[in-house]
Amino acid sequence: MRKQLLIPSDGFGIALLMLVLLSLFSNESHGQNTRDEYVSSFSDLAMREMIRVGIPASITLAQGCLESNNGNSTLATRGNNHFGIKCHDWNGKKIFHDDDKRNECFRSYASAYASYMDHSEFLSSSSRYASLFELNPHDYRGWAKGLKSAGYATAKNYATLLIRIIEENEFYTYDLLVLEGSLEGIDTTTFLADQVHGVSRTILLNNQIEYILTESGDTPESLRAELHMYKNEIYRYNSLYKGAKFEPGTIIYLQPKRSKAAVGNEIHMVEAGQTMYDISQIYGVKLKHLYKKNHMMEGEQPFENTEIYLRRKKREPILKMEPSKEQYEEEEMQFRFEH
């Protein structure tokens, strides 16, 4: 026999019923994340990804807040999908949810960390978003408008919503922390080990870049699998060739190297046998920038006791030689012949 709900008719009974209902609703919403809680959980990761890939931390956080409703959406709670990325060519687990159409396919992840990693890969590997990485890294407005123009979302006011979230919550301060190198007190070195199951390596920091020291038996492929990195990341970040072998204690960066060394490391005096690659790894500076700063051709190696500039361009006197009489006559004849 089905029980009937009795609705009280007196004022006291109605007031009591309202209190019960309010209690039920408050208990139901008690487990919801606030925006502050969400940002507290993921701001360090957003800054880490800004260093690693170049997406402004403010944009990553704003998209996470908007797309996942501060981590409370169905996609976030059931599929750890914090950025509303649909399946497309996805080969992993899937979750189905109503969006622009009914029962659309979205990517499902093992953790929120994996969702943040895939968001970085999704934007950085697609030609649709390539122009965004040419913007000033503090231009969150340009990024917001560019994401909308490139078709990340269908909502007409998507860029406006992102910009509003960033400015109301001052997310741009996270961009400045990264750009100014002011990450003291922010733990970017243990997040990977804490979030990825099975990782027990000590992750170190040099020039605000995460790195590890290799152990016996390590290969680029084994490290990629162990650290859950994307294909070719280790090769690209460390300028390695296919099949490279490591000596124990080799520095391997897990993020892109910088354009200059950390403050205080102005000049390196070359020791016997050192190559430009060795210096690049010691200071976490990209090879092409070292060559440019020191007026060297790519592939050229320094002599022992040579000064290698690490933060600013080396001054080099410009030598001008007057052409010889023979060179002048040859150039004049060539000019006449061409005209």
C-alpha atoms as a PDB file:
ATOM      1  CA  MET A   1       0.000   0.000   0.000  1.00  0.00           C
ATOM      2  CA  ARG A   2       1.475   3.339  -1.055  1.00  0.00           C
ATOM      3  CA  LYS A   3       1.911   5.829   1.771  1.00  0.00           C
ATOM      4  CA  GLN A   4       0.460   9.294   1.307  1.00  0.00           C
ATOM      5  CA  LEU A   5       2.299  12.491   2.221  1.00  0.00           C
ATOM      6  CA  LEU A   6       0.219  14.464   4.668  1.00  0.00           C
ATOM      7  CA  ILE A   7       0.457  18.241   4.177  1.00  0.00           C
ATOM      8  CA  PRO A   8      -0.216  20.109   7.429  1.00  0.00           C
ATOM      9  CA  SER A   9      -2.819  22.836   7.217  1.00  0.00           C
ATOM     10  CA  ASP A  10      -1.901  24.824  10.321  1.00  0.00           C
ATOM     11  CA  GLY A  11       0.731  27.552  10.288  1.00  0.00           C
ATOM     12  CA  PHE A  12       3.092  25.764  12.685  1.00  0.00           C
ATOM     13  CA  GLY A  13       3.019  22.590  10.632  1.00  0.00           C
ATOM     14  CA  ILE A  14       3.771  24.453   7.404  1.00  0.00           C
ATOM     15  CA  ALA A  15       6.678  26.286   9.036  1.00  0.00           C
ATOM     16  CA  LEU A  16       8.033  22.968  10.323  1.00  0.00           C
ATOM     17  CA  LEU A  17       7.756  21.423   6.849  1.00  0.00           C
ATOM     18  CA  MET A  18       9.646  24.370   5.326  1.00  0.00           C
ATOM     19  CA  LEU A  19      12.446  23.935   7.829  1.00  0.00           C
ATOM     20  CA  VAL A  20      12.728  20.234   6.974  1.00  0.00           C
ATOM     21  CA  LEU A  21      12.850  20.981   3.253  1.00  0.00           C
ATOM     22  CA  LEU A  22      15.473  23.697   3.706  1.00  0.00           C
ATOM     23  CA  SER A  23      17.542  21.289   5.758  1.00  0.00           C
ATOM     24  CA  LEU A  24      17.331  18.674   3.021  1.00  0.00           C
ATOM     25  CA  PHE A  25      18.408  21.148   0.321  1.00  0.00           C
ATOM     26  CA  SER A  26      21.274  22.515   2.410  1.00  0.00           C
ATOM     27  CA  ASN A  27      22.548  19.008   3.084  1.00  0.00           C
ATOM     28  CA  GLU A  28      22.350  18.185  -0.619  1.00  0.00           C
ATOM     29  CA  SER A  29      24.414  21.241  -1.589  1.00  0.00           C
ATOM     30  CA  HIS A  30      26.855  20.892   1.287  1.00  0.00           C
ATOM     31  CA  GLY A  31      29.244  18.761  -0.775  1.00  0.00           C
ATOM     32  CA  GLN A  32      29.466  21.296  -3.616  1.00  0.00           C
ATOM     33  CA  ASN A  33      32.790  23.008  -4.294  1.00  0.00           C
ATOM     34  CA  THR A  34      32.945  26.763  -3.967  1.00  0.00           C
ATOM     35  CA  ARG A  35      34.946  28.705  -6.511  1.00  0.00           C
ATOM     36  CA  ASP A  36      37.594  29.513  -3.903  1.00  0.00           C
ATOM     37  CA  GLU A  37      37.961  25.819  -3.097  1.00  0.00           C
ATOM     38  CA  TYR A  38      38.250  24.952  -6.762  1.00  0.00           C
ATOM     39  CA  VAL A  39      40.893  27.586  -7.402  1.00  0.00           C
ATOM     40  CA  SER A  40      42.809  26.529  -4.298  1.00  0.00           C
ATOM     41  CA  SER A  41      42.904  22.974  -5.639  1.00  0.00           C
ATOM     42  CA  PHE A  42      44.003  23.758  -9.203  1.00  0.00           C
ATOM     43  CA  SER A  43      45.817  27.118  -9.324  1.00  0.00           C
ATOM     44  CA  ASP A  44      49.242  25.517  -8.859  1.00  0.00           C
ATOM     45  CA  LEU A  45      48.517  23.041 -11.647  1.00  0.00           C
ATOM     46  CA  ALA A  46      47.327  25.844 -13.947  1.00  0.00           C
ATOM     47  CA  MET A  47      50.593  27.724 -13.339  1.00  0.00           C
ATOM     48  CA  ARG A  48      52.591  24.554 -13.883  1.00  0.00           C
ATOM     49  CA  GLU A  49      50.896  24.093 -17.251  1.00  0.00           C
ATOM     50  CA  MET A  50      51.556  27.720 -18.162  1.00  0.00           C
ATOM     51  CA  ILE A  51      55.263  27.068 -17.609  1.00  0.00           C
ATOM     52  CA  ARG A  52      55.165  23.748 -19.453  1.00  0.00           C
ATOM     53  CA  VAL A  53      52.973  24.598 -22.440  1.00  0.00           C
ATOM     54  CA  GLY A  54      52.314  28.352 -22.500  1.00  0.00           C
ATOM     55  CA  ILE A  55      48.557  28.584 -21.884  1.00  0.00           C
ATOM     56  CA  PRO A  56      47.916  31.472 -19.454  1.00  0.00           C
ATOM     57  CA  ALA A  57      47.039  30.138 -16.011  1.00  0.00           C
ATOM     58  CA  SER A  58      44.183  32.636 -15.879  1.00  0.00           C
ATOM     59  CA  ILE A  59      42.594  31.090 -18.988  1.00  0.00           C
ATOM     60  CA  THR A  60      43.006  27.531 -17.732  1.00  0.00           C
ATOM     61  CA  LEU A  61      41.423  28.391 -14.384  1.00  0.00           C
ATOM     62  CA  ALA A  62      38.582  30.395 -15.937  1.00  0.00           C
ATOM     63  CA  GLN A  63      37.769  27.608 -18.372  1.00  0.00           C
ATOM     64  CA  GLY A  64      37.888  25.051 -15.576  1.00  0.00           C
ATOM     65  CA  CYS A  65      35.538  27.122 -13.412  1.00  0.00           C
ATOM     66  CA  LEU A  66      33.124  27.814 -16.268  1.00  0.00           C
ATOM     67  CA  GLU A  67      33.101  24.437 -17.987  1.00  0.00           C
ATOM     68  CA  SER A  68      32.922  22.346 -14.805  1.00  0.00           C
ATOM     69  CA  ASN A  69      30.862  24.713 -12.639  1.00  0.00           C
ATOM     70  CA  ASN A  70      33.755  24.829 -10.173  1.00  0.00           C
ATOM     71  CA  GLY A  71      34.137  21.064 -10.327  1.00  0.00           C
ATOM     72  CA  ASN A  72      30.458  20.354  -9.614  1.00  0.00           C
ATOM     73  CA  SER A  73      29.159  19.485 -13.092  1.00  0.00           C
ATOM     74  CA  THR A  74      28.096  15.989 -14.084  1.00  0.00           C
ATOM     75  CA  LEU A  75      31.014  15.734 -16.502  1.00  0.00           C
ATOM     76  CA  ALA A  76      33.464  16.710 -13.755  1.00  0.00           C
ATOM     77  CA  THR A  77      32.034  14.534 -10.980  1.00  0.00           C
ATOM     78  CA  ARG A  78      31.386  11.432 -13.082  1.00  0.00           C
ATOM     79  CA  GLY A  79      34.011  11.715 -15.797  1.00  0.00           C
ATOM     80  CA  ASN A  80      36.682  14.049 -14.343  1.00  0.00           C
ATOM     81  CA  ASN A  81      36.161  16.215 -17.438  1.00  0.00           C
ATOM     82  CA  HIS A  82      36.816  19.794 -16.333  1.00  0.00           C
ATOM     83  CA  PHE A  83      36.961  21.465 -19.758  1.00  0.00           C
ATOM     84  CA  GLY A  84      33.975  20.076 -21.642  1.00  0.00           C
ATOM     85  CA  ILE A  85      36.166  18.467 -24.303  1.00  0.00           C
ATOM     86  CA  LYS A  86      34.151  16.189 -26.566  1.00  0.00           C
ATOM     87  CA  CYS A  87      35.324  12.844 -27.909  1.00  0.00           C
ATOM     88  CA  HIS A  88      36.396  13.834 -31.452  1.00  0.00           C
ATOM     89  CA  ASP A  89      39.192  11.308 -32.197  1.00  0.00           C
ATOM     90  CA  TRP A  90      39.386  10.157 -28.569  1.00  0.00           C
ATOM     91  CA  ASN A  91      40.298   6.495 -27.954  1.00  0.00           C
ATOM     92  CA  GLY A  92      39.940   6.551 -24.170  1.00  0.00           C
ATOM     93  CA  LYS A  93      36.944   6.159 -21.892  1.00  0.00           C
ATOM     94  CA  LYS A  94      33.809   8.111 -22.743  1.00  0.00           C
ATOM     95  CA  ILE A  95      30.879   9.666 -20.949  1.00  0.00           C
ATOM     96  CA  PHE A  96      27.613  10.714 -22.619  1.00  0.00           C
ATOM     97  CA  HIS A  97      25.831  13.916 -21.704  1.00  0.00           C
ATOM     98  CA  ASP A  98      23.290  16.328 -23.200  1.00  0.00           C
ATOM     99  CA  ASP A  99      24.897  19.475 -24.588  1.00  0.00           C
ATOM    100  CA  ASP A 100      24.121  21.194 -27.890  1.00  0.00           C
ATOM    101  CA  LYS A 101      22.528  17.867 -28.827  1.00  0.00           C
ATOM    102  CA  ARG A 102      21.182  15.021 -26.744  1.00  0.00           C
ATOM    103  CA  ASN A 103      23.511  12.321 -25.468  1.00  0.00           C
ATOM    104  CA  GLU A 104      26.759  13.758 -26.873  1.00  0.00           C
ATOM    105  CA  CYS A 105      30.083  11.982 -26.393  1.00  0.00           C
ATOM    106  CA  PHE A 106      32.630  13.537 -24.023  1.00  0.00           C
ATOM    107  CA  ARG A 107      36.074  12.404 -22.906  1.00  0.00           C
ATOM    108  CA  SER A 108      36.296  10.687 -19.528  1.00  0.00           C
ATOM    109  CA  TYR A 109      39.479  10.712 -17.440  1.00  0.00           C
ATOM    110  CA  ALA A 110      40.951   8.785 -14.535  1.00  0.00           C
ATOM    111  CA  SER A 111      41.583  12.010 -12.611  1.00  0.00           C
ATOM    112  CA  ALA A 112      41.190  15.784 -12.740  1.00  0.00           C
ATOM    113  CA  TYR A 113      44.955  15.941 -13.299  1.00  0.00           C
ATOM    114  CA  ALA A 114      44.558  13.904 -16.493  1.00  0.00           C
ATOM    115  CA  SER A 115      41.842  16.314 -17.642  1.00  0.00           C
ATOM    116  CA  TYR A 116      44.175  19.288 -17.164  1.00  0.00           C
ATOM    117  CA  MET A 117      46.952  17.502 -19.058  1.00  0.00           C
ATOM    118  CA  ASP A 118      44.627  16.696 -21.938  1.00  0.00           C
ATOM    119  CA  HIS A 119      43.374  20.285 -22.047  1.00  0.00           C
ATOM    120  CA  SER A 120      46.971  21.438 -22.566  1.00  0.00           C
ATOM    121  CA  GLU A 121      47.538  18.806 -25.249  1.00  0.00           C
ATOM    122  CA  PHE A 122      44.212  19.567 -26.946  1.00  0.00           C
ATOM    123  CA  LEU A 123      45.044  23.261 -27.360  1.00  0.00           C
ATOM    124  CA  SER A 124      48.786  23.009 -28.034  1.00  0.00           C
ATOM    125  CA  SER A 125      48.571  20.233 -30.641  1.00  0.00           C
ATOM    126  CA  SER A 126      45.758  21.662 -32.781  1.00  0.00           C
ATOM    127  CA  SER A 127      46.420  24.033 -35.676  1.00  0.00           C
ATOM    128  CA  ARG A 128      43.114  25.761 -34.845  1.00  0.00           C
ATOM    129  CA  TYR A 129      44.631  27.250 -31.708  1.00  0.00           C
ATOM    130  CA  ALA A 130      48.224  27.734 -32.950  1.00  0.00           C
ATOM    131  CA  SER A 131      47.876  31.517 -33.336  1.00  0.00           C
ATOM    132  CA  LEU A 132      46.972  31.871 -29.646  1.00  0.00           C
ATOM    133  CA  PHE A 133      50.464  30.757 -28.628  1.00  0.00           C
ATOM    134  CA  GLU A 134      51.879  33.760 -30.524  1.00  0.00           C
ATOM    135  CA  LEU A 135      50.021  36.174 -28.231  1.00  0.00           C
ATOM    136  CA  ASN A 136      51.570  37.913 -25.268  1.00  0.00           C
ATOM    137  CA  PRO A 137      51.335  35.311 -22.468  1.00  0.00           C
ATOM    138  CA  HIS A 138      49.596  37.893 -20.263  1.00  0.00           C
ATOM    139  CA  ASP A 139      46.979  38.707 -22.929  1.00  0.00           C
ATOM    140  CA  TYR A 140      44.123  36.759 -21.391  1.00  0.00           C
ATOM    141  CA  ARG A 141      41.599  38.874 -23.292  1.00  0.00           C
ATOM    142  CA  GLY A 142      43.192  37.887 -26.596  1.00  0.00           C
ATOM    143  CA  TRP A 143      43.173  34.242 -25.524  1.00  0.00           C
ATOM    144  CA  ALA A 144      39.513  34.370 -24.504  1.00  0.00           C
ATOM    145  CA  LYS A 145      38.457  35.929 -27.791  1.00  0.00           C
ATOM    146  CA  GLY A 146      40.720  33.578 -29.750  1.00  0.00           C
ATOM    147  CA  LEU A 147      39.234  30.481 -28.120  1.00  0.00           C
ATOM    148  CA  LYS A 148      35.763  31.634 -29.096  1.00  0.00           C
ATOM    149  CA  SER A 149      36.843  32.500 -32.675  1.00  0.00           C
ATOM    150  CA  ALA A 150      38.541  29.124 -33.074  1.00  0.00           C
ATOM    151  CA  GLY A 151      35.326  27.335 -32.099  1.00  0.00           C
ATOM    152  CA  TYR A 152      36.158  26.029 -28.641  1.00  0.00           C
ATOM    153  CA  ALA A 153      32.594  26.774 -27.501  1.00  0.00           C
ATOM    154  CA  THR A 154      29.321  27.633 -29.224  1.00  0.00           C
ATOM    155  CA  ALA A 155      28.080  30.165 -26.663  1.00  0.00           C
ATOM    156  CA  LYS A 156      28.165  33.627 -28.261  1.00  0.00           C
ATOM    157  CA  ASN A 157      29.291  35.261 -25.013  1.00  0.00           C
ATOM    158  CA  TYR A 158      31.971  32.650 -24.221  1.00  0.00           C
ATOM    159  CA  ALA A 159      34.864  35.149 -24.374  1.00  0.00           C
ATOM    160  CA  THR A 160      32.954  37.651 -22.241  1.00  0.00           C
ATOM    161  CA  LEU A 161      32.238  35.012 -19.607  1.00  0.00           C
ATOM    162  CA  LEU A 162      35.901  33.975 -19.394  1.00  0.00           C
ATOM    163  CA  ILE A 163      37.111  37.568 -19.130  1.00  0.00           C
ATOM    164  CA  ARG A 164      34.552  38.330 -16.429  1.00  0.00           C
ATOM    165  CA  ILE A 165      35.604  35.304 -14.362  1.00  0.00           C
ATOM    166  CA  ILE A 166      39.282  36.238 -14.707  1.00  0.00           C
ATOM    167  CA  GLU A 167      38.799  39.860 -13.722  1.00  0.00           C
ATOM    168  CA  GLU A 168      36.278  39.313 -10.921  1.00  0.00           C
ATOM    169  CA  ASN A 169      38.577  36.726  -9.318  1.00  0.00           C
ATOM    170  CA  GLU A 170      41.884  38.390 -10.306  1.00  0.00           C
ATOM    171  CA  PHE A 171      43.135  35.225 -11.989  1.00  0.00           C
ATOM    172  CA  TYR A 172      45.606  37.355 -13.967  1.00  0.00           C
ATOM    173  CA  THR A 173      47.762  37.468 -10.821  1.00  0.00           C
ATOM    174  CA  TYR A 174      48.648  33.810 -11.441  1.00  0.00           C
ATOM    175  CA  ASP A 175      49.964  34.746 -14.899  1.00  0.00           C
ATOM    176  CA  LEU A 176      52.146  37.425 -13.328  1.00  0.00           C
ATOM    177  CA  LEU A 177      53.550  34.979 -10.789  1.00  0.00           C
ATOM    178  CA  VAL A 178      54.713  32.763 -13.641  1.00  0.00           C
ATOM    179  CA  LEU A 179      56.010  35.580 -15.857  1.00  0.00           C
ATOM    180  CA  GLU A 180      57.906  37.228 -13.010  1.00  0.00           C
ATOM    181  CA  GLY A 181      59.333  33.918 -11.834  1.00  0.00           C
ATOM    182  CA  SER A 182      57.836  34.604  -8.392  1.00  0.00           C
ATOM    183  CA  LEU A 183      56.867  31.037  -7.528  1.00  0.00           C
ATOM    184  CA  GLU A 184      58.587  30.864  -4.170  1.00  0.00           C
ATOM    185  CA  GLY A 185      56.321  29.059  -1.743  1.00  0.00           C
ATOM    186  CA  ILE A 186      54.294  27.470  -4.535  1.00  0.00           C
ATOM    187  CA  ASP A 187      54.944  23.758  -4.759  1.00  0.00           C
ATOM    188  CA  THR A 188      55.226  22.909  -8.448  1.00  0.00           C
ATOM    189  CA  THR A 189      57.705  20.085  -7.940  1.00  0.00           C
ATOM    190  CA  THR A 190      55.603  17.462  -6.185  1.00  0.00           C
ATOM    191  CA  PHE A 191      52.251  17.800  -7.939  1.00  0.00           C
ATOM    192  CA  LEU A 192      53.143  15.286 -10.617  1.00  0.00           C
ATOM    193  CA  ALA A 193      54.307  12.679  -8.138  1.00  0.00           C
ATOM    194  CA  ASP A 194      51.277  13.255  -5.906  1.00  0.00           C
ATOM    195  CA  GLN A 195      48.692  13.083  -8.682  1.00  0.00           C
ATOM    196  CA  VAL A 196      49.954  10.306 -10.969  1.00  0.00           C
ATOM    197  CA  HIS A 197      49.639   6.820  -9.536  1.00  0.00           C
ATOM    198  CA  GLY A 198      52.887   4.891  -9.327  1.00  0.00           C
ATOM    199  CA  VAL A 199      55.301   7.835  -9.700  1.00  0.00           C
ATOM    200  CA  SER A 200      57.881   7.793  -6.927  1.00  0.00           C
ATOM    201  CA  ARG A 201      60.656   9.898  -8.492  1.00  0.00           C
ATOM    202  CA  THR A 202      62.001  12.975  -6.807  1.00  0.00           C
ATOM    203  CA  ILE A 203      61.074  15.861  -9.078  1.00  0.00           C
ATOM    204  CA  LEU A 204      63.523  18.748  -8.820  1.00  0.00           C
ATOM    205  CA  LEU A 205      63.441  22.361 -10.004  1.00  0.00           C
ATOM    206  CA  ASN A 206      66.054  24.290 -12.001  1.00  0.00           C
ATOM    207  CA  ASN A 207      65.406  27.692 -13.580  1.00  0.00           C
ATOM    208  CA  GLN A 208      61.733  27.132 -12.629  1.00  0.00           C
ATOM    209  CA  ILE A 209      61.680  23.960 -14.779  1.00  0.00           C
ATOM    210  CA  GLU A 210      60.861  20.523 -13.414  1.00  0.00           C
ATOM    211  CA  TYR A 211      63.460  17.820 -14.013  1.00  0.00           C
ATOM    212  CA  ILE A 212      64.590  14.426 -12.785  1.00  0.00           C
ATOM    213  CA  LEU A 213      67.931  12.669 -12.554  1.00  0.00           C
ATOM    214  CA  THR A 214      68.032   9.417 -14.500  1.00  0.00           C
ATOM    215  CA  GLU A 215      68.645   6.059 -12.918  1.00  0.00           C
ATOM    216  CA  SER A 216      70.290   2.937 -14.314  1.00  0.00           C
ATOM    217  CA  GLY A 217      68.197   1.422 -17.115  1.00  0.00           C
ATOM    218  CA  ASP A 218      66.178   4.565 -17.892  1.00  0.00           C
ATOM    219  CA  THR A 219      65.321   5.281 -21.530  1.00  0.00           C
ATOM    220  CA  PRO A 220      63.218   8.084 -23.058  1.00  0.00           C
ATOM    221  CA  GLU A 221      60.415   5.595 -23.657  1.00  0.00           C
ATOM    222  CA  SER A 222      60.480   4.148 -20.131  1.00  0.00           C
ATOM    223  CA  LEU A 223      60.463   7.643 -18.589  1.00  0.00           C
ATOM    224  CA  ARG A 224      57.600   8.717 -20.815  1.00  0.00           C
ATOM    225  CA  ALA A 225      55.532   5.736 -19.672  1.00  0.00           C
ATOM    226  CA  GLU A 226      56.457   6.134 -16.012  1.00  0.00           C
ATOM    227  CA  LEU A 227      55.782   9.861 -15.886  1.00  0.00           C
ATOM    228  CA  HIS A 228      52.671   9.726 -18.091  1.00  0.00           C
ATOM    229  CA  MET A 229      54.074  12.233 -20.567  1.00  0.00           C
ATOM    230  CA  TYR A 230      52.962  12.802 -24.144  1.00  0.00           C
ATOM    231  CA  LYS A 231      54.763  11.354 -27.147  1.00  0.00           C
ATOM    232  CA  ASN A 232      58.087  13.091 -27.936  1.00  0.00           C
ATOM    233  CA  GLU A 233      57.876  15.494 -24.963  1.00  0.00           C
ATOM    234  CA  ILE A 234      61.086  14.167 -23.399  1.00  0.00           C
ATOM    235  CA  TYR A 235      62.863  14.243 -26.775  1.00  0.00           C
ATOM    236  CA  ARG A 236      61.683  17.788 -27.504  1.00  0.00           C
ATOM    237  CA  TYR A 237      62.390  19.287 -24.080  1.00  0.00           C
ATOM    238  CA  ASN A 238      65.889  17.798 -23.943  1.00  0.00           C
ATOM    239  CA  SER A 239      66.923  17.975 -27.641  1.00  0.00           C
ATOM    240  CA  LEU A 240      67.427  14.209 -27.742  1.00  0.00           C
ATOM    241  CA  TYR A 241      67.793  11.963 -30.771  1.00  0.00           C
ATOM    242  CA  LYS A 242      65.840   8.735 -31.184  1.00  0.00           C
ATOM    243  CA  GLY A 243      67.436   5.860 -29.318  1.00  0.00           C
ATOM    244  CA  ALA A 244      69.343   8.130 -26.935  1.00  0.00           C
ATOM    245  CA  LYS A 245      70.914   6.366 -23.943  1.00  0.00           C
ATOM    246  CA  PHE A 246      71.386   7.890 -20.513  1.00  0.00           C
ATOM    247  CA  GLU A 247      74.170   7.709 -17.985  1.00  0.00           C
ATOM    248  CA  PRO A 248      72.848   7.550 -14.389  1.00  0.00           C
ATOM    249  CA  GLY A 249      72.429  11.065 -13.039  1.00  0.00           C
ATOM    250  CA  THR A 250      71.617  12.691 -16.399  1.00  0.00           C
ATOM    251  CA  ILE A 251      69.388  15.770 -16.147  1.00  0.00           C
ATOM    252  CA  ILE A 252      66.093  15.228 -17.967  1.00  0.00           C
ATOM    253  CA  TYR A 253      63.671  18.135 -18.126  1.00  0.00           C
ATOM    254  CA  LEU A 254      59.935  17.512 -17.927  1.00  0.00           C
ATOM    255  CA  GLN A 255      59.024  20.976 -19.241  1.00  0.00           C
ATOM    256  CA  PRO A 256      60.399  23.278 -21.961  1.00  0.00           C
ATOM    257  CA  LYS A 257      63.658  25.014 -21.155  1.00  0.00           C
ATOM    258  CA  ARG A 258      63.821  28.810 -20.866  1.00  0.00           C
ATOM    259  CA  SER A 259      65.224  31.522 -23.119  1.00  0.00           C
ATOM    260  CA  LYS A 260      67.719  32.581 -20.437  1.00  0.00           C
ATOM    261  CA  ALA A 261      69.228  31.310 -17.191  1.00  0.00           C
ATOM    262  CA  ALA A 262      67.981  32.100 -13.699  1.00  0.00           C
ATOM    263  CA  VAL A 263      68.936  35.378 -12.042  1.00  0.00           C
ATOM    264  CA  GLY A 264      72.502  35.167 -10.751  1.00  0.00           C
ATOM    265  CA  ASN A 265      73.737  32.895 -13.531  1.00  0.00           C
ATOM    266  CA  GLU A 266      75.116  35.461 -15.944  1.00  0.00           C
ATOM    267  CA  ILE A 267      78.195  33.812 -17.493  1.00  0.00           C
ATOM    268  CA  HIS A 268      79.509  30.251 -17.719  1.00  0.00           C
ATOM    269  CA  MET A 269      83.214  29.568 -18.124  1.00  0.00           C
ATOM    270  CA  VAL A 270      83.620  26.565 -20.419  1.00  0.00           C
ATOM    271  CA  GLU A 271      85.438  23.606 -18.930  1.00  0.00           C
ATOM    272  CA  ALA A 272      87.430  21.029 -20.861  1.00  0.00           C
ATOM    273  CA  GLY A 273      85.196  18.812 -22.987  1.00  0.00           C
ATOM    274  CA  GLN A 274      81.983  20.750 -22.362  1.00  0.00           C
ATOM    275  CA  THR A 275      79.585  21.235 -25.267  1.00  0.00           C
ATOM    276  CA  MET A 276      76.858  23.792 -25.800  1.00  0.00           C
ATOM    277  CA  TYR A 277      74.346  21.024 -25.132  1.00  0.00           C
ATOM    278  CA  ASP A 278      75.959  20.343 -21.740  1.00  0.00           C
ATOM    279  CA  ILE A 279      75.664  24.020 -20.833  1.00  0.00           C
ATOM    280  CA  SER A 280      72.068  24.090 -22.045  1.00  0.00           C
ATOM    281  CA  GLN A 281      71.178  21.228 -19.706  1.00  0.00           C
ATOM    282  CA  ILE A 282      73.099  22.626 -16.730  1.00  0.00           C
ATOM    283  CA  TYR A 283      71.228  25.942 -16.773  1.00  0.00           C
ATOM    284  CA  GLY A 284      67.913  24.949 -18.375  1.00  0.00           C
ATOM    285  CA  VAL A 285      68.346  27.257 -21.376  1.00  0.00           C
ATOM    286  CA  LYS A 286      67.298  26.345 -24.908  1.00  0.00           C
ATOM    287  CA  LEU A 287      70.224  25.704 -27.231  1.00  0.00           C
ATOM    288  CA  LYS A 288      69.044  28.096 -29.938  1.00  0.00           C
ATOM    289  CA  HIS A 289      69.004  30.962 -27.438  1.00  0.00           C
ATOM    290  CA  LEU A 290      72.515  30.149 -26.189  1.00  0.00           C
ATOM    291  CA  TYR A 291      73.834  30.191 -29.735  1.00  0.00           C
ATOM    292  CA  LYS A 292      72.092  33.490 -30.477  1.00  0.00           C
ATOM    293  CA  LYS A 293      73.270  35.180 -27.284  1.00  0.00           C
ATOM    294  CA  ASN A 294      76.877  34.216 -28.030  1.00  0.00           C
ATOM    295  CA  HIS A 295      76.974  34.923 -31.811  1.00  0.00           C
ATOM    296  CA  MET A 296      77.579  31.260 -32.620  1.00  0.00           C
ATOM    297  CA  MET A 297      76.341  29.070 -35.429  1.00  0.00           C
ATOM    298  CA  GLU A 298      74.145  26.122 -34.445  1.00  0.00           C
ATOM    299  CA  GLY A 299      76.346  23.070 -34.008  1.00  0.00           C
ATOM    300  CA  GLU A 300      79.435  25.146 -33.239  1.00  0.00           C
ATOM    301  CA  GLN A 301      81.225  24.205 -29.998  1.00  0.00           C
ATOM    302  CA  PRO A 302      83.021  26.539 -27.568  1.00  0.00           C
ATOM    303  CA  PHE A 303      86.704  26.489 -26.713  1.00  0.00           C
ATOM    304  CA  GLU A 304      87.882  25.783 -23.183  1.00  0.00           C
ATOM    305  CA  ASN A 305      87.871  28.875 -20.906  1.00  0.00           C
ATOM    306  CA  THR A 306      85.464  30.692 -23.234  1.00  0.00           C
ATOM    307  CA  GLU A 307      82.794  32.854 -21.606  1.00  0.00           C
ATOM    308  CA  ILE A 308      79.257  31.781 -22.525  1.00  0.00           C
ATOM    309  CA  TYR A 309      76.613  34.411 -21.818  1.00  0.00           C
ATOM    310  CA  LEU A 310      73.482  32.934 -20.273  1.00  0.00           C
ATOM    311  CA  ARG A 311      71.065  35.837 -19.760  1.00  0.00           C
ATOM    312  CA  ARG A 312      71.964  38.635 -22.166  1.00  0.00           C
ATOM    313  CA  LYS A 313      73.487  38.900 -25.581  1.00  0.00           C
ATOM    314  CA  LYS A 314      77.266  38.996 -25.715  1.00  0.00           C
ATOM    315  CA  ARG A 315      78.738  42.189 -27.076  1.00  0.00           C
ATOM    316  CA  GLU A 316      80.772  41.554 -30.149  1.00  0.00           C
ATOM    317  CA  PRO A 317      82.720  44.235 -32.015  1.00  0.00           C
ATOM    318  CA  ILE A 318      81.635  44.613 -35.630  1.00  0.00           C
ATOM    319  CA  LEU A 319      84.701  44.304 -37.852  1.00  0.00           C
ATOM    320  CA  LYS A 320      84.416  46.048 -41.199  1.00  0.00           C
ATOM    321  CA  MET A 321      86.998  45.271 -43.858  1.00  0.00           C
ATOM    322  CA  GLU A 322      87.394  47.470 -46.915  1.00  0.00           C
ATOM    323  CA  PRO A 323      87.166  45.384 -50.125  1.00  0.00           C
ATOM    324  CA  SER A 324      90.403  44.929 -52.028  1.00  0.00           C
ATOM    325  CA  LYS A 325      90.867  46.501 -55.474  1.00  0.00           C
ATOM    326  CA  GLU A 326      90.353  43.099 -57.096  1.00  0.00           C
ATOM    327  CA  GLN A 327      87.081  42.483 -55.169  1.00  0.00           C
ATOM    328  CA  TYR A 328      85.827  45.971 -56.118  1.00  0.00           C
ATOM    329  CA  GLU A 329      86.575  45.435 -59.837  1.00  0.00           C
ATOM    330  CA  GLU A 330      84.963  41.971 -59.725  1.00  0.00           C
ATOM    331  CA  GLU A 331      81.790  43.343 -58.118  1.00  0.00           C
ATOM    332  CA  GLU A 332      81.651  46.219 -60.625  1.00  0.00           C
ATOM    333  CA  MET A 333      81.945  43.800 -63.573  1.00  0.00           C
ATOM    334  CA  GLN A 334      79.261  41.580 -62.073  1.00  0.00           C
ATOM    335  CA  PHE A 335      76.973  44.602 -61.692  1.00  0.00           C
ATOM    336  CA  ARG A 336      77.488  45.542 -65.368  1.00  0.00           C
ATOM    337  CA  PHE A 337      76.870  41.952 -66.487  1.00  0.00           C
ATOM    338  CA  GLU A 338      73.597  41.668 -64.533  1.00  0.00           C
ATOM    339  CA  HIS A 339      72.275  44.948 -65.900  1.00  0.00           C
END
